[in-house]
Amino acid sequence: MKSFICSLCRGGILGGGLYLDSTSLTYKTNKLTVDKKYRNLVLPMKEIKEITWKWIVFPVATVFMKNGESYKFIIFNKRRFEKWFCEYSK
C-alpha cells in the first residue's frame, strides 16, 4: 500500500491521506465536520473509469467512476502517484 498527502475538493479543501493498493483508492480524514461518507471514501480500482489531471497551483486529479460520480483530489506527488496507480491498475 502506498500513501500520499492530499486534499479532497468537496465543499472546500479537506486535508487527508490517500491510500493506494491493487484493490482500491481510499481517502481518509479525521475531520469530524466532514460528511461521514468522505471520512473514509473507498474507490474500488475496478470501478475507476479514468483519472485526468489539471494544474491549479497544485496538481488536481479528477477520478471518474463508472457510475458517473467524480472526485477531485489535490495530490502533492503527482509523478509518484501516477507510477503506482499504473502499477496497481494492471
N, C-alpha and C. Protein backbone atom coordinates (compact mmCIF):
# COMPACT_ATOMS: atom_id res chain seq x y z
N MET A 1 0.84 -1.17 0.00
CA MET A 1 0.00 0.00 0.00
C MET A 1 0.89 1.24 0.00
N LYS A 2 0.54 2.20 -0.84
CA LYS A 2 1.26 3.46 -0.93
C LYS A 2 0.38 4.57 -0.39
N SER A 3 0.98 5.55 0.27
CA SER A 3 0.20 6.65 0.83
C SER A 3 0.69 7.98 0.27
N PHE A 4 -0.24 8.94 0.18
CA PHE A 4 0.03 10.25 -0.39
C PHE A 4 -0.67 11.31 0.44
N ILE A 5 -0.04 12.45 0.60
CA ILE A 5 -0.68 13.60 1.24
C ILE A 5 -1.57 14.22 0.17
N CYS A 6 -2.83 14.48 0.54
CA CYS A 6 -3.74 15.03 -0.44
C CYS A 6 -4.82 15.85 0.23
N SER A 7 -5.65 16.47 -0.59
CA SER A 7 -6.84 17.16 -0.12
C SER A 7 -7.97 16.80 -1.07
N LEU A 8 -9.12 16.51 -0.51
CA LEU A 8 -10.32 16.27 -1.30
C LEU A 8 -10.98 17.62 -1.54
N CYS A 9 -11.34 17.89 -2.78
CA CYS A 9 -12.02 19.14 -3.13
C CYS A 9 -13.52 18.85 -3.18
N ARG A 10 -14.19 19.10 -2.07
CA ARG A 10 -15.62 18.83 -1.98
C ARG A 10 -16.19 19.78 -0.95
N GLY A 11 -16.84 20.84 -1.39
CA GLY A 11 -17.35 21.84 -0.46
C GLY A 11 -16.21 22.54 0.28
N GLY A 12 -15.10 22.71 -0.37
CA GLY A 12 -13.89 23.27 0.22
C GLY A 12 -12.75 22.30 0.06
N ILE A 13 -11.64 22.62 0.67
CA ILE A 13 -10.44 21.77 0.61
C ILE A 13 -10.36 21.01 1.92
N LEU A 14 -10.40 19.68 1.84
CA LEU A 14 -10.38 18.82 3.03
C LEU A 14 -9.09 18.02 3.06
N GLY A 15 -8.18 18.36 3.93
CA GLY A 15 -6.90 17.67 4.03
C GLY A 15 -7.07 16.25 4.53
N GLY A 16 -6.20 15.39 4.06
CA GLY A 16 -6.25 14.00 4.50
C GLY A 16 -5.17 13.18 3.84
N GLY A 17 -5.39 11.91 3.79
CA GLY A 17 -4.44 10.99 3.19
C GLY A 17 -5.11 10.17 2.12
N LEU A 18 -4.35 9.82 1.10
CA LEU A 18 -4.85 8.99 0.02
C LEU A 18 -4.02 7.71 0.04
N TYR A 19 -4.68 6.58 0.05
CA TYR A 19 -4.02 5.29 0.14
C TYR A 19 -4.35 4.48 -1.11
N LEU A 20 -3.33 3.92 -1.73
CA LEU A 20 -3.49 3.22 -2.99
C LEU A 20 -2.93 1.82 -2.86
N ASP A 21 -3.73 0.86 -3.28
CA ASP A 21 -3.25 -0.52 -3.39
C ASP A 21 -3.92 -1.15 -4.60
N SER A 22 -3.73 -2.43 -4.80
CA SER A 22 -4.25 -3.08 -6.00
C SER A 22 -5.77 -3.21 -6.02
N THR A 23 -6.44 -2.99 -4.89
CA THR A 23 -7.89 -3.14 -4.85
C THR A 23 -8.65 -1.83 -4.80
N SER A 24 -8.03 -0.78 -4.25
CA SER A 24 -8.79 0.46 -4.09
C SER A 24 -7.90 1.69 -3.93
N LEU A 25 -8.56 2.83 -4.11
CA LEU A 25 -8.00 4.14 -3.83
C LEU A 25 -8.86 4.66 -2.68
N THR A 26 -8.24 4.90 -1.53
CA THR A 26 -9.00 5.26 -0.32
C THR A 26 -8.54 6.61 0.20
N TYR A 27 -9.51 7.51 0.42
CA TYR A 27 -9.25 8.81 1.02
C TYR A 27 -9.70 8.75 2.47
N LYS A 28 -8.85 9.22 3.38
CA LYS A 28 -9.20 9.23 4.80
C LYS A 28 -8.90 10.59 5.40
N THR A 29 -9.80 11.05 6.26
CA THR A 29 -9.59 12.27 7.01
C THR A 29 -10.20 12.08 8.40
N ASN A 30 -9.67 12.77 9.37
CA ASN A 30 -10.19 12.69 10.74
C ASN A 30 -11.04 13.90 11.10
N LYS A 31 -11.35 14.74 10.12
CA LYS A 31 -12.14 15.93 10.38
C LYS A 31 -13.59 15.54 10.67
N LEU A 32 -14.07 15.86 11.85
CA LEU A 32 -15.42 15.48 12.25
C LEU A 32 -16.50 16.31 11.56
N THR A 33 -16.14 17.47 11.02
CA THR A 33 -17.13 18.32 10.36
C THR A 33 -17.44 17.87 8.93
N VAL A 34 -16.71 16.90 8.44
CA VAL A 34 -16.89 16.40 7.08
C VAL A 34 -18.01 15.36 7.08
N ASP A 35 -18.81 15.37 6.01
CA ASP A 35 -19.84 14.35 5.83
C ASP A 35 -19.21 12.97 6.02
N LYS A 36 -19.87 12.12 6.76
CA LYS A 36 -19.32 10.80 7.11
C LYS A 36 -18.89 9.99 5.88
N LYS A 37 -19.58 10.18 4.76
CA LYS A 37 -19.26 9.47 3.51
C LYS A 37 -17.82 9.73 3.08
N TYR A 38 -17.32 10.95 3.35
CA TYR A 38 -15.99 11.32 2.87
C TYR A 38 -14.88 11.09 3.89
N ARG A 39 -15.19 10.69 5.10
CA ARG A 39 -14.15 10.44 6.09
C ARG A 39 -13.32 9.21 5.77
N ASN A 40 -13.93 8.25 5.11
CA ASN A 40 -13.25 7.02 4.71
C ASN A 40 -13.82 6.60 3.35
N LEU A 41 -13.48 7.36 2.32
CA LEU A 41 -14.02 7.17 0.98
C LEU A 41 -13.21 6.11 0.25
N VAL A 42 -13.85 5.00 -0.09
CA VAL A 42 -13.17 3.90 -0.78
C VAL A 42 -13.65 3.85 -2.23
N LEU A 43 -12.71 3.98 -3.14
CA LEU A 43 -13.00 3.91 -4.57
C LEU A 43 -12.35 2.64 -5.13
N PRO A 44 -13.13 1.60 -5.39
CA PRO A 44 -12.55 0.34 -5.90
C PRO A 44 -11.86 0.55 -7.24
N MET A 45 -10.70 -0.02 -7.40
CA MET A 45 -9.92 0.13 -8.64
C MET A 45 -10.73 -0.31 -9.86
N LYS A 46 -11.49 -1.39 -9.73
CA LYS A 46 -12.24 -1.90 -10.88
C LYS A 46 -13.41 -0.98 -11.26
N GLU A 47 -13.75 -0.02 -10.41
CA GLU A 47 -14.84 0.91 -10.69
C GLU A 47 -14.34 2.27 -11.19
N ILE A 48 -13.02 2.48 -11.22
CA ILE A 48 -12.46 3.74 -11.70
C ILE A 48 -12.40 3.70 -13.22
N LYS A 49 -13.06 4.65 -13.83
CA LYS A 49 -13.11 4.74 -15.30
C LYS A 49 -11.83 5.39 -15.84
N GLU A 50 -11.47 6.55 -15.26
CA GLU A 50 -10.25 7.24 -15.68
C GLU A 50 -9.88 8.30 -14.66
N ILE A 51 -8.64 8.77 -14.77
CA ILE A 51 -8.16 9.88 -13.95
C ILE A 51 -7.58 10.92 -14.90
N THR A 52 -8.03 12.16 -14.74
CA THR A 52 -7.49 13.25 -15.54
C THR A 52 -6.80 14.23 -14.59
N TRP A 53 -5.88 15.03 -15.15
CA TRP A 53 -5.10 15.97 -14.34
C TRP A 53 -5.25 17.39 -14.86
N LYS A 54 -5.22 18.34 -13.92
CA LYS A 54 -5.23 19.76 -14.23
C LYS A 54 -4.32 20.43 -13.21
N TRP A 55 -3.63 21.47 -13.63
CA TRP A 55 -2.77 22.22 -12.70
C TRP A 55 -3.47 23.51 -12.30
N ILE A 56 -3.77 23.65 -11.02
CA ILE A 56 -4.31 24.89 -10.46
C ILE A 56 -3.47 25.16 -9.21
N VAL A 57 -2.31 25.73 -9.39
CA VAL A 57 -1.29 25.93 -8.38
C VAL A 57 -0.68 24.57 -7.98
N PHE A 58 -1.51 23.59 -7.69
CA PHE A 58 -1.08 22.22 -7.38
C PHE A 58 -1.74 21.28 -8.39
N PRO A 59 -1.20 20.07 -8.54
CA PRO A 59 -1.83 19.12 -9.45
C PRO A 59 -3.16 18.62 -8.87
N VAL A 60 -4.22 18.74 -9.66
CA VAL A 60 -5.54 18.29 -9.24
C VAL A 60 -5.94 17.10 -10.10
N ALA A 61 -6.20 15.98 -9.45
CA ALA A 61 -6.63 14.77 -10.15
C ALA A 61 -8.14 14.64 -10.01
N THR A 62 -8.81 14.40 -11.12
CA THR A 62 -10.24 14.11 -11.09
C THR A 62 -10.40 12.63 -11.38
N VAL A 63 -10.99 11.92 -10.44
CA VAL A 63 -11.21 10.48 -10.57
C VAL A 63 -12.65 10.29 -11.02
N PHE A 64 -12.82 9.75 -12.21
CA PHE A 64 -14.14 9.48 -12.76
C PHE A 64 -14.48 8.01 -12.52
N MET A 65 -15.64 7.78 -11.93
CA MET A 65 -16.09 6.43 -11.63
C MET A 65 -17.04 5.94 -12.73
N LYS A 66 -17.15 4.64 -12.88
CA LYS A 66 -18.03 4.06 -13.89
C LYS A 66 -19.50 4.39 -13.64
N ASN A 67 -19.87 4.68 -12.38
CA ASN A 67 -21.27 5.00 -12.07
C ASN A 67 -21.60 6.47 -12.33
N GLY A 68 -20.65 7.25 -12.87
CA GLY A 68 -20.89 8.65 -13.21
C GLY A 68 -20.42 9.65 -12.16
N GLU A 69 -20.08 9.20 -10.97
CA GLU A 69 -19.59 10.11 -9.94
C GLU A 69 -18.14 10.49 -10.24
N SER A 70 -17.74 11.64 -9.71
CA SER A 70 -16.35 12.05 -9.85
C SER A 70 -15.89 12.71 -8.56
N TYR A 71 -14.60 12.63 -8.31
CA TYR A 71 -13.98 13.17 -7.10
C TYR A 71 -12.70 13.88 -7.50
N LYS A 72 -12.48 15.07 -6.92
CA LYS A 72 -11.26 15.82 -7.21
C LYS A 72 -10.34 15.80 -5.98
N PHE A 73 -9.08 15.54 -6.24
CA PHE A 73 -8.07 15.50 -5.19
C PHE A 73 -6.88 16.35 -5.60
N ILE A 74 -6.36 17.12 -4.66
CA ILE A 74 -5.06 17.74 -4.84
C ILE A 74 -4.06 16.71 -4.30
N ILE A 75 -3.20 16.22 -5.18
CA ILE A 75 -2.22 15.20 -4.79
C ILE A 75 -0.84 15.82 -4.93
N PHE A 76 -0.10 15.85 -3.84
CA PHE A 76 1.15 16.61 -3.80
C PHE A 76 2.36 15.92 -4.39
N ASN A 77 2.22 14.67 -4.85
CA ASN A 77 3.32 14.00 -5.53
C ASN A 77 2.76 13.27 -6.75
N LYS A 78 2.41 14.04 -7.77
CA LYS A 78 1.75 13.51 -8.96
C LYS A 78 2.55 12.39 -9.62
N ARG A 79 3.83 12.62 -9.83
CA ARG A 79 4.66 11.63 -10.54
C ARG A 79 4.67 10.28 -9.81
N ARG A 80 4.84 10.31 -8.51
CA ARG A 80 4.84 9.07 -7.72
C ARG A 80 3.47 8.40 -7.75
N PHE A 81 2.41 9.21 -7.63
CA PHE A 81 1.05 8.66 -7.67
C PHE A 81 0.79 7.98 -9.01
N GLU A 82 1.13 8.66 -10.11
CA GLU A 82 0.90 8.07 -11.44
C GLU A 82 1.66 6.77 -11.62
N LYS A 83 2.88 6.73 -11.12
CA LYS A 83 3.69 5.49 -11.24
C LYS A 83 2.99 4.33 -10.55
N TRP A 84 2.57 4.55 -9.32
CA TRP A 84 1.95 3.47 -8.55
C TRP A 84 0.54 3.16 -9.01
N PHE A 85 -0.20 4.16 -9.48
CA PHE A 85 -1.53 3.90 -9.99
C PHE A 85 -1.44 2.98 -11.22
N CYS A 86 -0.50 3.28 -12.11
CA CYS A 86 -0.30 2.42 -13.29
C CYS A 86 0.08 1.01 -12.87
N GLU A 87 0.95 0.90 -11.90
CA GLU A 87 1.40 -0.41 -11.41
C GLU A 87 0.24 -1.21 -10.84
N TYR A 88 -0.57 -0.58 -10.01
CA TYR A 88 -1.67 -1.29 -9.35
C TYR A 88 -2.88 -1.53 -10.24
N SER A 89 -3.02 -0.75 -11.31
CA SER A 89 -4.21 -0.91 -12.15
C SER A 89 -4.00 -1.92 -13.27
N LYS A 90 -2.84 -2.54 -13.32
CA LYS A 90 -2.56 -3.57 -14.36
C LYS A 90 -3.40 -4.80 -14.13
